[in-house]
Amino acid sequence: MEHVDDYRAALAEMTRILRPGGTLLLGVPFRQAIHMAPQDFWRFTEYGLRHLLAHDYEIVVLDGMDESEAGFPSAYWVTARRLESSSR
């Protein structure tokens, strides 16, 4: 999602096509150098991911990867289940 200019629209489309109860697998960078410039737009924190997914998903796992620097993971991997009551 870091390369999509409208990440909210991208997430809305993922939610639209994922059936209720389906599993979303999402990996996003956090501590990573700019790459694929100029289409490298976003970095997401654990709290930002929780906020983005809160309405339509139950987060099953949200793990920081390579946490060799405390509080500064290189990426996050998320497994989330689309809620049955999702509005999309």
PDB file of N, CA and C in Angstrom:
ATOM      1  N   MET A   1       0.801  -1.189   0.000  1.00  0.00           N
ATOM      2  CA  MET A   1       0.000   0.000   0.000  1.00  0.00           C
ATOM      3  C   MET A   1       0.849   1.260   0.000  1.00  0.00           C
ATOM      4  N   GLU A   2       2.138   1.117   0.256  1.00  0.00           N
ATOM      5  CA  GLU A   2       2.989   2.295   0.275  1.00  0.00           C
ATOM      6  C   GLU A   2       3.175   2.910  -1.105  1.00  0.00           C
ATOM      7  N   HIS A   3       2.829   2.178  -2.163  1.00  0.00           N
ATOM      8  CA  HIS A   3       3.003   2.670  -3.531  1.00  0.00           C
ATOM      9  C   HIS A   3       1.697   3.112  -4.179  1.00  0.00           C
ATOM     10  N   VAL A   4       0.618   3.102  -3.429  1.00  0.00           N
ATOM     11  CA  VAL A   4      -0.693   3.487  -3.949  1.00  0.00           C
ATOM     12  C   VAL A   4      -1.010   4.884  -3.435  1.00  0.00           C
ATOM     13  N   ASP A   5      -1.278   5.816  -4.347  1.00  0.00           N
ATOM     14  CA  ASP A   5      -1.509   7.190  -3.893  1.00  0.00           C
ATOM     15  C   ASP A   5      -2.760   7.321  -3.027  1.00  0.00           C
ATOM     16  N   ASP A   6      -3.791   6.539  -3.302  1.00  0.00           N
ATOM     17  CA  ASP A   6      -5.026   6.590  -2.506  1.00  0.00           C
ATOM     18  C   ASP A   6      -5.189   5.254  -1.775  1.00  0.00           C
ATOM     19  N   TYR A   7      -4.460   5.099  -0.677  1.00  0.00           N
ATOM     20  CA  TYR A   7      -4.474   3.824   0.036  1.00  0.00           C
ATOM     21  C   TYR A   7      -5.847   3.514   0.629  1.00  0.00           C
ATOM     22  N   ARG A   8      -6.631   4.534   0.952  1.00  0.00           N
ATOM     23  CA  ARG A   8      -7.984   4.281   1.479  1.00  0.00           C
ATOM     24  C   ARG A   8      -8.869   3.652   0.406  1.00  0.00           C
ATOM     25  N   ALA A   9      -8.783   4.137  -0.819  1.00  0.00           N
ATOM     26  CA  ALA A   9      -9.552   3.551  -1.918  1.00  0.00           C
ATOM     27  C   ALA A   9      -9.073   2.124  -2.189  1.00  0.00           C
ATOM     28  N   ALA A  10      -7.766   1.890  -2.102  1.00  0.00           N
ATOM     29  CA  ALA A  10      -7.236   0.541  -2.313  1.00  0.00           C
ATOM     30  C   ALA A  10      -7.764  -0.419  -1.252  1.00  0.00           C
ATOM     31  N   LEU A  11      -7.759   0.015   0.007  1.00  0.00           N
ATOM     32  CA  LEU A  11      -8.278  -0.828   1.078  1.00  0.00           C
ATOM     33  C   LEU A  11      -9.776  -1.063   0.907  1.00  0.00           C
ATOM     34  N   ALA A  12     -10.510  -0.041   0.486  1.00  0.00           N
ATOM     35  CA  ALA A  12     -11.948  -0.196   0.247  1.00  0.00           C
ATOM     36  C   ALA A  12     -12.206  -1.238  -0.844  1.00  0.00           C
ATOM     37  N   GLU A  13     -11.392  -1.255  -1.883  1.00  0.00           N
ATOM     38  CA  GLU A  13     -11.565  -2.241  -2.957  1.00  0.00           C
ATOM     39  C   GLU A  13     -11.200  -3.641  -2.469  1.00  0.00           C
ATOM     40  N   MET A  14     -10.139  -3.758  -1.672  1.00  0.00           N
ATOM     41  CA  MET A  14      -9.793  -5.068  -1.104  1.00  0.00           C
ATOM     42  C   MET A  14     -10.944  -5.585  -0.256  1.00  0.00           C
ATOM     43  N   THR A  15     -11.533  -4.697   0.520  1.00  0.00           N
ATOM     44  CA  THR A  15     -12.651  -5.083   1.383  1.00  0.00           C
ATOM     45  C   THR A  15     -13.868  -5.462   0.549  1.00  0.00           C
ATOM     46  N   ARG A  16     -14.115  -4.723  -0.513  1.00  0.00           N
ATOM     47  CA  ARG A  16     -15.270  -5.000  -1.368  1.00  0.00           C
ATOM     48  C   ARG A  16     -15.204  -6.397  -1.980  1.00  0.00           C
ATOM     49  N   ILE A  17     -14.019  -6.789  -2.428  1.00  0.00           N
ATOM     50  CA  ILE A  17     -13.919  -8.072  -3.116  1.00  0.00           C
ATOM     51  C   ILE A  17     -13.691  -9.261  -2.183  1.00  0.00           C
ATOM     52  N   LEU A  18     -13.349  -8.975  -0.927  1.00  0.00           N
ATOM     53  CA  LEU A  18     -13.128 -10.047   0.051  1.00  0.00           C
ATOM     54  C   LEU A  18     -14.451 -10.387   0.725  1.00  0.00           C
ATOM     55  N   ARG A  19     -14.844 -11.631   0.643  1.00  0.00           N
ATOM     56  CA  ARG A  19     -16.133 -11.999   1.233  1.00  0.00           C
ATOM     57  C   ARG A  19     -16.096 -11.847   2.749  1.00  0.00           C
ATOM     58  N   PRO A  20     -17.244 -11.583   3.359  1.00  0.00           N
ATOM     59  CA  PRO A  20     -17.302 -11.531   4.819  1.00  0.00           C
ATOM     60  C   PRO A  20     -16.755 -12.825   5.421  1.00  0.00           C
ATOM     61  N   GLY A  21     -15.928 -12.700   6.432  1.00  0.00           N
ATOM     62  CA  GLY A  21     -15.272 -13.849   7.041  1.00  0.00           C
ATOM     63  C   GLY A  21     -13.960 -14.212   6.360  1.00  0.00           C
ATOM     64  N   GLY A  22     -13.682 -13.594   5.193  1.00  0.00           N
ATOM     65  CA  GLY A  22     -12.444 -13.860   4.474  1.00  0.00           C
ATOM     66  C   GLY A  22     -11.247 -13.244   5.182  1.00  0.00           C
ATOM     67  N   THR A  23     -10.055 -13.687   4.808  1.00  0.00           N
ATOM     68  CA  THR A  23      -8.825 -13.263   5.471  1.00  0.00           C
ATOM     69  C   THR A  23      -8.024 -12.323   4.592  1.00  0.00           C
ATOM     70  N   LEU A  24      -7.674 -11.177   5.154  1.00  0.00           N
ATOM     71  CA  LEU A  24      -6.805 -10.201   4.506  1.00  0.00           C
ATOM     72  C   LEU A  24      -5.392 -10.420   5.022  1.00  0.00           C
ATOM     73  N   LEU A  25      -4.447 -10.578   4.124  1.00  0.00           N
ATOM     74  CA  LEU A  25      -3.030 -10.662   4.467  1.00  0.00           C
ATOM     75  C   LEU A  25      -2.372  -9.409   3.926  1.00  0.00           C
ATOM     76  N   LEU A  26      -1.721  -8.671   4.795  1.00  0.00           N
ATOM     77  CA  LEU A  26      -1.191  -7.371   4.400  1.00  0.00           C
ATOM     78  C   LEU A  26       0.193  -7.193   4.994  1.00  0.00           C
ATOM     79  N   GLY A  27       1.136  -6.823   4.163  1.00  0.00           N
ATOM     80  CA  GLY A  27       2.480  -6.494   4.625  1.00  0.00           C
ATOM     81  C   GLY A  27       2.816  -5.081   4.186  1.00  0.00           C
ATOM     82  N   VAL A  28       3.276  -4.268   5.138  1.00  0.00           N
ATOM     83  CA  VAL A  28       3.631  -2.885   4.815  1.00  0.00           C
ATOM     84  C   VAL A  28       4.956  -2.529   5.482  1.00  0.00           C
ATOM     85  N   PRO A  29       5.776  -1.712   4.814  1.00  0.00           N
ATOM     86  CA  PRO A  29       7.045  -1.311   5.416  1.00  0.00           C
ATOM     87  C   PRO A  29       6.839  -0.224   6.445  1.00  0.00           C
ATOM     88  N   PHE A  30       7.782  -0.131   7.349  1.00  0.00           N
ATOM     89  CA  PHE A  30       7.817   0.996   8.277  1.00  0.00           C
ATOM     90  C   PHE A  30       9.200   1.642   8.219  1.00  0.00           C
ATOM     91  N   ARG A  31      10.212   0.880   8.600  1.00  0.00           N
ATOM     92  CA  ARG A  31      11.589   1.392   8.577  1.00  0.00           C
ATOM     93  C   ARG A  31      12.236   0.890   7.289  1.00  0.00           C
ATOM     94  N   GLN A  32      12.095   1.667   6.256  1.00  0.00           N
ATOM     95  CA  GLN A  32      12.624   1.248   4.965  1.00  0.00           C
ATOM     96  C   GLN A  32      13.009   2.489   4.173  1.00  0.00           C
ATOM     97  N   ALA A  33      14.093   2.397   3.464  1.00  0.00           N
ATOM     98  CA  ALA A  33      14.524   3.518   2.633  1.00  0.00           C
ATOM     99  C   ALA A  33      13.521   3.749   1.510  1.00  0.00           C
ATOM    100  N   ILE A  34      13.508   4.965   1.008  1.00  0.00           N
ATOM    101  CA  ILE A  34      12.657   5.262  -0.141  1.00  0.00           C
ATOM    102  C   ILE A  34      13.064   4.351  -1.282  1.00  0.00           C
ATOM    103  N   HIS A  35      12.069   3.771  -1.935  1.00  0.00           N
ATOM    104  CA  HIS A  35      12.311   2.868  -3.046  1.00  0.00           C
ATOM    105  C   HIS A  35      11.207   3.072  -4.079  1.00  0.00           C
ATOM    106  N   MET A  36      11.473   2.711  -5.297  1.00  0.00           N
ATOM    107  CA  MET A  36      10.536   2.890  -6.415  1.00  0.00           C
ATOM    108  C   MET A  36      10.047   4.345  -6.504  1.00  0.00           C
ATOM    109  N   ALA A  37      10.940   5.282  -6.203  1.00  0.00           N
ATOM    110  CA  ALA A  37      10.593   6.703  -6.289  1.00  0.00           C
ATOM    111  C   ALA A  37      10.219   7.045  -7.734  1.00  0.00           C
ATOM    112  N   PRO A  38       9.293   7.922  -7.940  1.00  0.00           N
ATOM    113  CA  PRO A  38       8.624   8.755  -6.953  1.00  0.00           C
ATOM    114  C   PRO A  38       7.293   8.174  -6.440  1.00  0.00           C
ATOM    115  N   GLN A  39       7.048   6.903  -6.648  1.00  0.00           N
ATOM    116  CA  GLN A  39       5.798   6.297  -6.180  1.00  0.00           C
ATOM    117  C   GLN A  39       5.969   5.578  -4.842  1.00  0.00           C
ATOM    118  N   ASP A  40       6.653   6.189  -3.923  1.00  0.00           N
ATOM    119  CA  ASP A  40       6.811   5.651  -2.575  1.00  0.00           C
ATOM    120  C   ASP A  40       6.195   6.674  -1.629  1.00  0.00           C
ATOM    121  N   PHE A  41       4.916   6.475  -1.294  1.00  0.00           N
ATOM    122  CA  PHE A  41       4.131   7.518  -0.654  1.00  0.00           C
ATOM    123  C   PHE A  41       3.987   7.399   0.865  1.00  0.00           C
ATOM    124  N   TRP A  42       3.865   6.198   1.419  1.00  0.00           N
ATOM    125  CA  TRP A  42       3.390   6.052   2.802  1.00  0.00           C
ATOM    126  C   TRP A  42       4.224   5.075   3.622  1.00  0.00           C
ATOM    127  N   ARG A  43       4.193   5.281   4.938  1.00  0.00           N
ATOM    128  CA  ARG A  43       4.642   4.317   5.932  1.00  0.00           C
ATOM    129  C   ARG A  43       3.527   4.238   6.970  1.00  0.00           C
ATOM    130  N   PHE A  44       3.265   3.053   7.462  1.00  0.00           N
ATOM    131  CA  PHE A  44       2.167   2.834   8.397  1.00  0.00           C
ATOM    132  C   PHE A  44       2.701   2.347   9.738  1.00  0.00           C
ATOM    133  N   THR A  45       2.180   2.897  10.823  1.00  0.00           N
ATOM    134  CA  THR A  45       2.510   2.425  12.158  1.00  0.00           C
ATOM    135  C   THR A  45       1.508   1.346  12.561  1.00  0.00           C
ATOM    136  N   GLU A  46       1.815   0.641  13.637  1.00  0.00           N
ATOM    137  CA  GLU A  46       0.867  -0.338  14.187  1.00  0.00           C
ATOM    138  C   GLU A  46      -0.474   0.334  14.481  1.00  0.00           C
ATOM    139  N   TYR A  47      -0.417   1.526  15.022  1.00  0.00           N
ATOM    140  CA  TYR A  47      -1.642   2.225  15.423  1.00  0.00           C
ATOM    141  C   TYR A  47      -2.422   2.714  14.206  1.00  0.00           C
ATOM    142  N   GLY A  48      -1.712   3.133  13.181  1.00  0.00           N
ATOM    143  CA  GLY A  48      -2.373   3.522  11.938  1.00  0.00           C
ATOM    144  C   GLY A  48      -3.073   2.340  11.290  1.00  0.00           C
ATOM    145  N   LEU A  49      -2.418   1.179  11.282  1.00  0.00           N
ATOM    146  CA  LEU A  49      -3.033  -0.027  10.723  1.00  0.00           C
ATOM    147  C   LEU A  49      -4.270  -0.429  11.512  1.00  0.00           C
ATOM    148  N   ARG A  50      -4.168  -0.388  12.826  1.00  0.00           N
ATOM    149  CA  ARG A  50      -5.333  -0.717  13.659  1.00  0.00           C
ATOM    150  C   ARG A  50      -6.500   0.236  13.364  1.00  0.00           C
ATOM    151  N   HIS A  51      -6.186   1.495  13.203  1.00  0.00           N
ATOM    152  CA  HIS A  51      -7.210   2.495  12.890  1.00  0.00           C
ATOM    153  C   HIS A  51      -7.838   2.228  11.518  1.00  0.00           C
ATOM    154  N   LEU A  52      -7.009   1.969  10.510  1.00  0.00           N
ATOM    155  CA  LEU A  52      -7.513   1.723   9.160  1.00  0.00           C
ATOM    156  C   LEU A  52      -8.411   0.493   9.080  1.00  0.00           C
ATOM    157  N   LEU A  53      -8.087  -0.535   9.837  1.00  0.00           N
ATOM    158  CA  LEU A  53      -8.808  -1.806   9.738  1.00  0.00           C
ATOM    159  C   LEU A  53      -9.961  -1.933  10.729  1.00  0.00           C
ATOM    160  N   ALA A  54     -10.052  -1.049  11.703  1.00  0.00           N
ATOM    161  CA  ALA A  54     -10.991  -1.208  12.822  1.00  0.00           C
ATOM    162  C   ALA A  54     -12.448  -1.361  12.402  1.00  0.00           C
ATOM    163  N   HIS A  55     -12.866  -0.685  11.382  1.00  0.00           N
ATOM    164  CA  HIS A  55     -14.288  -0.675  11.019  1.00  0.00           C
ATOM    165  C   HIS A  55     -14.732  -1.962  10.331  1.00  0.00           C
ATOM    166  N   ASP A  56     -13.874  -2.539   9.509  1.00  0.00           N
ATOM    167  CA  ASP A  56     -14.264  -3.670   8.668  1.00  0.00           C
ATOM    168  C   ASP A  56     -13.594  -4.997   9.001  1.00  0.00           C
ATOM    169  N   TYR A  57     -12.619  -4.981   9.915  1.00  0.00           N
ATOM    170  CA  TYR A  57     -11.826  -6.187  10.153  1.00  0.00           C
ATOM    171  C   TYR A  57     -11.608  -6.451  11.639  1.00  0.00           C
ATOM    172  N   GLU A  58     -11.436  -7.737  11.939  1.00  0.00           N
ATOM    173  CA  GLU A  58     -10.919  -8.165  13.233  1.00  0.00           C
ATOM    174  C   GLU A  58      -9.458  -8.539  12.994  1.00  0.00           C
ATOM    175  N   ILE A  59      -8.564  -7.865  13.664  1.00  0.00           N
ATOM    176  CA  ILE A  59      -7.144  -8.182  13.508  1.00  0.00           C
ATOM    177  C   ILE A  59      -6.849  -9.448  14.294  1.00  0.00           C
ATOM    178  N   VAL A  60      -6.340 -10.447  13.593  1.00  0.00           N
ATOM    179  CA  VAL A  60      -5.988 -11.725  14.205  1.00  0.00           C
ATOM    180  C   VAL A  60      -4.533 -11.675  14.662  1.00  0.00           C
ATOM    181  N   VAL A  61      -3.660 -11.167  13.802  1.00  0.00           N
ATOM    182  CA  VAL A  61      -2.236 -11.038  14.108  1.00  0.00           C
ATOM    183  C   VAL A  61      -1.747  -9.725  13.505  1.00  0.00           C
ATOM    184  N   LEU A  62      -0.998  -8.972  14.287  1.00  0.00           N
ATOM    185  CA  LEU A  62      -0.305  -7.790  13.774  1.00  0.00           C
ATOM    186  C   LEU A  62       1.082  -7.840  14.391  1.00  0.00           C
ATOM    187  N   ASP A  63       2.059  -8.198  13.577  1.00  0.00           N
ATOM    188  CA  ASP A  63       3.429  -8.385  14.061  1.00  0.00           C
ATOM    189  C   ASP A  63       4.375  -7.393  13.411  1.00  0.00           C
ATOM    190  N   GLY A  64       5.251  -6.827  14.226  1.00  0.00           N
ATOM    191  CA  GLY A  64       6.361  -6.063  13.698  1.00  0.00           C
ATOM    192  C   GLY A  64       7.479  -7.031  13.325  1.00  0.00           C
ATOM    193  N   MET A  65       8.121  -6.799  12.216  1.00  0.00           N
ATOM    194  CA  MET A  65       9.213  -7.649  11.751  1.00  0.00           C
ATOM    195  C   MET A  65      10.543  -6.932  11.971  1.00  0.00           C
ATOM    196  N   ASP A  66      11.579  -7.699  12.287  1.00  0.00           N
ATOM    197  CA  ASP A  66      12.919  -7.163  12.535  1.00  0.00           C
ATOM    198  C   ASP A  66      12.854  -5.985  13.503  1.00  0.00           C
ATOM    199  N   GLU A  67      12.589  -6.307  14.746  1.00  0.00           N
ATOM    200  CA  GLU A  67      12.511  -5.274  15.777  1.00  0.00           C
ATOM    201  C   GLU A  67      13.835  -5.155  16.520  1.00  0.00           C
ATOM    202  N   SER A  68      14.940  -5.197  15.773  1.00  0.00           N
ATOM    203  CA  SER A  68      16.266  -5.070  16.381  1.00  0.00           C
ATOM    204  C   SER A  68      16.444  -3.697  17.027  1.00  0.00           C
ATOM    205  N   GLU A  69      15.680  -2.708  16.561  1.00  0.00           N
ATOM    206  CA  GLU A  69      15.628  -1.403  17.214  1.00  0.00           C
ATOM    207  C   GLU A  69      14.253  -1.292  17.863  1.00  0.00           C
ATOM    208  N   ALA A  70      14.220  -1.265  19.190  1.00  0.00           N
ATOM    209  CA  ALA A  70      12.952  -1.251  19.925  1.00  0.00           C
ATOM    210  C   ALA A  70      12.036  -0.131  19.439  1.00  0.00           C
ATOM    211  N   GLY A  71      10.778  -0.494  19.159  1.00  0.00           N
ATOM    212  CA  GLY A  71       9.791   0.478  18.720  1.00  0.00           C
ATOM    213  C   GLY A  71       9.971   0.949  17.291  1.00  0.00           C
ATOM    214  N   PHE A  72      10.831   0.274  16.543  1.00  0.00           N
ATOM    215  CA  PHE A  72      11.147   0.732  15.184  1.00  0.00           C
ATOM    216  C   PHE A  72      11.274  -0.468  14.248  1.00  0.00           C
ATOM    217  N   PRO A  73      10.175  -1.233  14.061  1.00  0.00           N
ATOM    218  CA  PRO A  73      10.246  -2.421  13.207  1.00  0.00           C
ATOM    219  C   PRO A  73      10.472  -2.049  11.752  1.00  0.00           C
ATOM    220  N   SER A  74      11.007  -2.983  10.991  1.00  0.00           N
ATOM    221  CA  SER A  74      11.236  -2.710   9.574  1.00  0.00           C
ATOM    222  C   SER A  74       9.943  -2.791   8.771  1.00  0.00           C
ATOM    223  N   ALA A  75       8.993  -3.601   9.241  1.00  0.00           N
ATOM    224  CA  ALA A  75       7.727  -3.784   8.521  1.00  0.00           C
ATOM    225  C   ALA A  75       6.695  -4.359   9.474  1.00  0.00           C
ATOM    226  N   TYR A  76       5.467  -4.342   9.030  1.00  0.00           N
ATOM    227  CA  TYR A  76       4.379  -4.994   9.763  1.00  0.00           C
ATOM    228  C   TYR A  76       3.709  -6.002   8.849  1.00  0.00           C
ATOM    229  N   TRP A  77       3.360  -7.132   9.421  1.00  0.00           N
ATOM    230  CA  TRP A  77       2.567  -8.153   8.740  1.00  0.00           C
ATOM    231  C   TRP A  77       1.271  -8.303   9.501  1.00  0.00           C
ATOM    232  N   VAL A  78       0.161  -8.243   8.768  1.00  0.00           N
ATOM    233  CA  VAL A  78      -1.163  -8.274   9.372  1.00  0.00           C
ATOM    234  C   VAL A  78      -1.979  -9.416   8.775  1.00  0.00           C
ATOM    235  N   THR A  79      -2.637 -10.146   9.653  1.00  0.00           N
ATOM    236  CA  THR A  79      -3.676 -11.097   9.255  1.00  0.00           C
ATOM    237  C   THR A  79      -4.949 -10.583   9.904  1.00  0.00           C
ATOM    238  N   ALA A  80      -5.963 -10.313   9.079  1.00  0.00           N
ATOM    239  CA  ALA A  80      -7.210  -9.768   9.601  1.00  0.00           C
ATOM    240  C   ALA A  80      -8.393 -10.469   8.929  1.00  0.00           C
ATOM    241  N   ARG A  81      -9.449 -10.665   9.674  1.00  0.00           N
ATOM    242  CA  ARG A  81     -10.649 -11.322   9.164  1.00  0.00           C
ATOM    243  C   ARG A  81     -11.715 -10.256   8.906  1.00  0.00           C
ATOM    244  N   ARG A  82     -12.263 -10.267   7.689  1.00  0.00           N
ATOM    245  CA  ARG A  82     -13.314  -9.307   7.368  1.00  0.00           C
ATOM    246  C   ARG A  82     -14.542  -9.621   8.201  1.00  0.00           C
ATOM    247  N   LEU A  83     -15.091  -8.603   8.831  1.00  0.00           N
ATOM    248  CA  LEU A  83     -16.266  -8.779   9.675  1.00  0.00           C
ATOM    249  C   LEU A  83     -17.490  -9.091   8.844  1.00  0.00           C
ATOM    250  N   GLU A  84     -18.352  -9.921   9.388  1.00  0.00           N
ATOM    251  CA  GLU A  84     -19.611 -10.259   8.731  1.00  0.00           C
ATOM    252  C   GLU A  84     -20.460  -9.012   8.544  1.00  0.00           C
ATOM    253  N   SER A  85     -20.359  -8.091   9.500  1.00  0.00           N
ATOM    254  CA  SER A  85     -21.191  -6.896   9.474  1.00  0.00           C
ATOM    255  C   SER A  85     -20.535  -5.727   8.738  1.00  0.00           C
ATOM    256  N   SER A  86     -19.457  -5.991   8.001  1.00  0.00           N
ATOM    257  CA  SER A  86     -18.773  -4.939   7.272  1.00  0.00           C
ATOM    258  C   SER A  86     -19.741  -4.250   6.327  1.00  0.00           C
ATOM    259  N   SER A  87     -19.638  -2.938   6.236  1.00  0.00           N
ATOM    260  CA  SER A  87     -20.580  -2.166   5.433  1.00  0.00           C
ATOM    261  C   SER A  87     -20.252  -2.136   3.953  1.00  0.00           C
ATOM    262  N   ARG A  88     -19.176  -2.706   3.533  1.00  0.00           N
ATOM    263  CA  ARG A  88     -18.787  -2.629   2.111  1.00  0.00           C
ATOM    264  C   ARG A  88     -19.322  -3.816   1.350  1.00  0.00           C
TER     265      ARG A  88
END
